[in-house]
Protein backbone atom coordinates (compact mmCIF):
# COMPACT_ATOMS: atom_id res chain seq x y z
CA MET A 1 81.22 118.84 116.85
CA LEU A 2 81.06 115.51 118.67
CA LEU A 3 83.21 112.70 117.33
CA HIS A 4 81.69 109.30 116.76
CA PRO A 5 82.96 106.78 119.38
CA THR A 6 84.04 104.45 116.57
CA LEU A 7 86.09 107.25 115.01
CA ASN A 8 87.80 107.91 118.33
CA LEU A 9 88.60 104.22 118.71
CA LEU A 10 90.02 103.93 115.19
CA ASN A 11 92.33 106.88 115.82
CA GLU A 12 93.40 105.48 119.19
CA LEU A 13 94.33 102.20 117.49
CA GLY A 14 96.38 104.05 114.86
CA LEU A 15 94.01 103.03 112.05
CA THR A 16 94.09 106.47 110.48
CA GLY A 17 93.18 105.25 107.00
CA MET A 18 90.06 103.60 108.32
CA ALA A 19 89.26 106.66 110.42
CA ARG A 20 89.49 108.95 107.39
CA SER A 21 87.34 106.61 105.32
CA PHE A 22 84.83 106.36 108.17
CA GLN A 23 84.50 110.14 108.25
CA ASN A 24 84.01 110.33 104.48
CA LEU A 25 81.40 107.59 104.43
CA ASP A 26 79.56 108.98 107.44
CA ALA A 27 79.22 112.31 105.63
CA GLN A 28 77.61 110.69 102.56
CA PRO A 29 73.87 110.00 102.97
CA GLU A 30 73.92 107.41 100.17
CA ALA A 31 76.53 105.39 102.08
CA ARG A 32 73.96 104.59 104.75
CA ALA A 33 72.38 102.14 102.33
CA LEU A 34 75.53 100.02 102.37
CA GLY A 35 75.60 96.83 104.37
CA HIS A 36 77.98 96.26 107.28
CA ALA A 37 80.29 94.07 105.19
CA GLU A 38 80.47 96.73 102.46
CA TRP A 39 81.31 99.41 105.00
CA LEU A 40 84.00 97.27 106.54
CA GLY A 41 85.44 96.43 103.14
CA LEU A 42 85.72 100.09 102.16
CA LEU A 43 87.34 100.97 105.49
CA LEU A 44 89.88 98.16 105.16
CA ASP A 45 90.71 99.09 101.54
CA GLN A 46 91.51 102.64 102.64
CA GLU A 47 93.65 101.44 105.55
CA VAL A 48 95.63 99.13 103.25
CA SER A 49 96.17 101.98 100.76
CA VAL A 50 97.40 104.34 103.47
CA ARG A 51 99.81 101.75 104.87
CA ARG A 52 101.19 100.90 101.44
CA GLN A 53 101.79 104.58 100.73
CA ARG A 54 103.59 105.01 104.06
CA ARG A 55 105.80 102.00 103.38
CA PHE A 56 106.59 103.32 99.91
CA GLU A 57 107.51 106.75 101.25
CA SER A 58 109.73 105.15 103.87
CA ARG A 59 111.42 102.89 101.30
CA ALA A 60 111.92 105.76 98.86
CA LYS A 61 113.40 108.01 101.54
CA ALA A 62 115.84 105.29 102.60
CA ALA A 63 116.78 104.50 98.98
CA ARG A 64 117.82 108.13 98.29
CA LEU A 65 117.30 107.78 94.56
CA ARG A 66 119.04 110.38 92.45
CA HIS A 67 116.00 111.09 90.23
CA ASP A 68 112.31 111.35 91.04
CA ALA A 69 111.63 108.85 88.26
CA SER A 70 108.76 106.50 87.52
CA LEU A 71 108.00 103.81 84.95
CA GLU A 72 105.03 105.83 83.72
CA ASP A 73 107.30 108.72 82.69
CA VAL A 74 109.89 106.70 80.78
CA ASP A 75 110.33 107.92 77.19
CA TYR A 76 110.16 105.03 74.74
CA GLN A 77 110.08 107.27 71.66
CA ALA A 78 113.65 108.57 71.94
CA PRO A 79 115.98 106.75 69.50
CA ARG A 80 118.24 105.07 72.04
CA GLY A 81 117.51 101.36 71.57
CA LEU A 82 115.37 100.88 74.69
CA ASP A 83 113.34 97.67 74.40
CA ARG A 84 109.91 98.65 75.75
CA SER A 85 108.73 95.07 76.33
CA LEU A 86 111.89 94.15 78.24
CA PHE A 87 111.78 97.28 80.37
CA LEU A 88 108.12 96.77 81.26
CA LYS A 89 108.96 93.17 82.17
CA LEU A 90 111.70 94.45 84.46
CA GLY A 91 109.12 96.82 85.96
CA SER A 92 107.36 93.80 87.50
CA CYS A 93 110.40 93.47 89.82
CA ASP A 94 110.34 89.66 89.45
CA TRP A 95 114.04 89.80 88.52
CA ILE A 96 114.75 91.33 91.93
CA ARG A 97 112.75 88.65 93.71
CA SER A 98 114.71 86.07 91.70
CA LYS A 99 118.04 87.67 92.79
CA ARG A 100 119.06 88.49 89.23
CA ASN A 101 121.10 91.52 88.14
CA LEU A 102 120.67 94.27 85.55
CA LEU A 103 123.37 96.06 83.58
CA ILE A 104 122.50 99.31 81.79
CA THR A 105 125.22 100.68 79.51
CA GLY A 106 125.39 103.48 76.98
CA PRO A 107 126.95 106.88 76.28
CA CYS A 108 126.54 109.93 78.47
CA GLY A 109 123.08 111.48 78.58
CA VAL A 110 120.94 108.64 77.23
CA GLY A 111 119.05 108.21 80.50
CA LYS A 112 120.80 105.32 82.24
CA SER A 113 120.47 106.83 85.72
CA TYR A 114 116.84 107.79 85.15
CA LEU A 115 115.92 104.27 84.06
CA ALA A 116 117.75 102.84 87.07
CA CYS A 117 115.89 105.18 89.42
CA ALA A 118 112.54 104.40 87.77
CA LEU A 119 113.11 100.71 88.48
CA GLY A 120 114.29 101.57 91.98
CA GLN A 121 111.12 103.57 92.62
CA LYS A 122 108.97 100.68 91.40
CA ALA A 123 110.86 98.30 93.71
CA CYS A 124 110.07 100.64 96.61
CA ARG A 125 106.39 100.51 95.64
CA GLU A 126 106.66 96.72 95.68
CA ASP A 127 107.90 97.04 99.29
CA LEU A 128 111.42 95.92 98.39
CA PRO A 129 114.33 97.69 100.16
CA VAL A 130 116.51 99.65 97.73
CA ALA A 131 119.89 101.36 98.13
CA TYR A 132 121.14 103.82 95.50
CA HIS A 133 124.76 104.96 95.30
CA ARG A 134 126.96 106.70 92.79
CA ALA A 135 129.74 104.16 92.44
CA SER A 136 132.63 106.57 93.05
CA GLN A 137 130.93 108.11 96.10
CA LEU A 138 130.21 104.69 97.56
CA PHE A 139 133.85 103.67 97.27
CA ASP A 140 134.86 106.94 98.94
CA MET A 141 132.39 106.26 101.78
CA LEU A 142 133.75 102.74 102.23
CA ALA A 143 137.29 104.11 102.36
CA LEU A 144 136.25 106.41 105.21
CA GLY A 145 134.46 103.53 106.89
CA ARG A 146 137.59 101.43 106.72
CA SER A 147 139.54 104.15 108.53
CA ASP A 148 137.00 104.86 111.29
CA GLY A 149 135.78 101.35 112.03
CA ARG A 150 132.40 101.51 110.27
CA TYR A 151 133.40 99.37 107.27
CA ALA A 152 131.77 96.09 108.34
CA LYS A 153 128.59 97.91 109.41
CA MET A 154 128.37 99.68 106.04
CA LEU A 155 128.76 96.42 104.14
CA ARG A 156 126.02 94.83 106.24
CA ALA A 157 123.71 97.75 105.46
CA LEU A 158 124.36 97.32 101.73
CA SER A 159 123.68 93.59 101.92
CA ARG A 160 120.23 94.17 103.45
CA ALA A 161 118.88 95.88 100.33
CA SER A 162 116.97 93.69 97.90
CA LEU A 163 118.25 95.97 95.12
CA LEU A 164 121.58 97.78 95.18
CA ILE A 165 121.98 100.39 92.44
CA LEU A 166 125.58 101.26 91.53
CA ASP A 167 125.25 104.24 89.25
CA ASP A 168 127.87 105.52 86.81
CA TRP A 169 130.53 102.86 87.31
CA GLY A 170 133.84 103.55 85.55
CA PRO A 171 135.58 104.65 83.43
CA GLU A 172 138.62 104.99 85.71
CA ALA A 173 140.49 101.81 86.66
CA LEU A 174 139.84 100.55 90.18
CA SER A 175 142.48 100.81 92.89
CA ALA A 176 143.37 97.76 94.97
CA ASP A 177 141.13 98.93 97.84
CA ARG A 178 138.18 99.60 95.54
CA LEU A 179 138.66 96.20 93.95
CA ARG A 180 138.42 94.56 97.35
CA ASP A 181 135.33 96.67 98.17
CA LEU A 182 133.62 95.61 94.95
CA LEU A 183 134.45 91.96 95.53
CA GLU A 184 133.05 92.16 99.08
CA ILE A 185 129.82 93.75 97.80
CA VAL A 186 129.40 91.21 95.02
CA GLU A 187 130.19 88.27 97.30
CA ASP A 188 127.70 89.47 99.92
CA ARG A 189 124.94 89.80 97.34
CA TYR A 190 125.54 86.69 95.25
CA ASP A 191 122.29 84.70 95.19
CA ARG A 192 121.00 86.91 98.04
CA GLY A 193 120.20 90.21 96.35
CA SER A 194 120.18 92.05 93.03
CA ILE A 195 122.66 94.59 91.68
CA LEU A 196 121.81 97.18 89.04
CA ILE A 197 124.90 98.75 87.48
CA THR A 198 124.92 101.65 85.04
CA SER A 199 128.05 102.50 83.09
CA GLN A 200 129.26 104.37 80.03
CA ILE A 201 131.66 101.48 79.44
CA PRO A 202 130.42 98.43 77.48
CA VAL A 203 130.36 95.25 79.53
CA ASP A 204 133.02 93.59 77.36
CA ARG A 205 135.48 96.27 78.53
CA TRP A 206 134.82 95.87 82.25
CA TYR A 207 137.80 93.57 82.55
CA GLU A 208 139.95 96.60 81.66
CA ILE A 209 138.40 98.66 84.47
CA ILE A 210 138.96 95.93 87.02
CA GLY A 211 142.49 95.29 85.82
CA ASN A 212 143.31 92.24 87.92
CA PRO A 213 142.35 89.18 85.80
CA THR A 214 141.75 86.92 88.80
CA LEU A 215 139.48 89.40 90.57
CA ALA A 216 137.82 90.29 87.27
CA ASP A 217 136.81 86.67 86.81
CA ALA A 218 135.55 86.41 90.39
CA ILE A 219 133.55 89.65 90.21
CA LEU A 220 132.14 89.49 86.70
CA ASP A 221 131.21 85.82 86.91
CA ARG A 222 128.91 86.68 89.82
CA VAL A 223 127.52 89.85 88.24
CA VAL A 224 127.16 89.17 84.52
CA HIS A 225 126.16 85.53 84.17
CA ASN A 226 122.58 85.97 85.45
CA ALA A 227 122.09 89.61 84.42
CA TYR A 228 119.61 91.25 82.12
CA ARG A 229 121.26 93.70 79.74
CA ILE A 230 120.11 97.04 78.38
CA ASP A 231 122.61 98.50 75.91
CA LEU A 232 121.55 102.01 74.99
CA THR A 233 122.79 103.97 71.99
CA GLY A 234 122.33 107.41 70.44
CA GLU A 235 123.12 110.97 71.35
CA SER A 236 122.45 112.69 74.64
CA LEU A 237 118.78 113.27 75.42
CA ARG A 238 119.78 116.52 77.13
CA LYS A 239 121.28 117.73 73.87
CA ARG A 240 118.16 116.76 71.91
CA ARG A 241 115.87 118.55 74.37
CA ALA A 242 118.02 121.69 74.24
CA SER A 243 118.04 121.85 70.44
CA PRO A 244 114.62 123.58 69.98
CA LEU A 245 115.67 126.31 72.41
CA GLU A 246 118.90 126.88 70.54
CA ALA A 247 117.22 127.04 67.12
């Protein structure tokens, strides 16, 4: 089967979305009634869609989100105090573009990490760079980086993300090194990027986790003052979902 010269040229230029659309249209007799502008519009729409999907896949891979979560799959019926209107507003990602923060607190199993990852996935779809880290693992990585000379490079990488997700922060008190790490992260991101923190510990007890009053003021003033808050309640969703099987 001979390939159309235009199809060859589109592939040579790396316009694979347009090439695929060209093939599909060329195989449809009714498409021959379309004008040149309509053809071009359809080809361009497909190319834009393909490129957006590639960017999303690249962003999502780099983010390394813990859950394959999406806004469409969020459960608003579970009795956990999730404000649907607020969460959908956050799903626009305008708070990330405005360099604001988000704090999600609540007991174990109410879906804090899932909600964080759903917002992270939406940010990737909006072509915003995202970095996800379990808080304790990130501090361990930074400790290794401090010992092998990669510390500054790791901090720079964190600062490049439009959204940094620190999942499952607390409840253990922070060591002096981890306090310095957290202050560096917060300082680097202040008015330059957003932080999403999930924690089982209510925000009014975060001073206890930080321990040092001076550093607590410096850190929390930069994190809390411009943050949206989601305070979840209720029992574990995992327990509720397991109940019918146990009955």
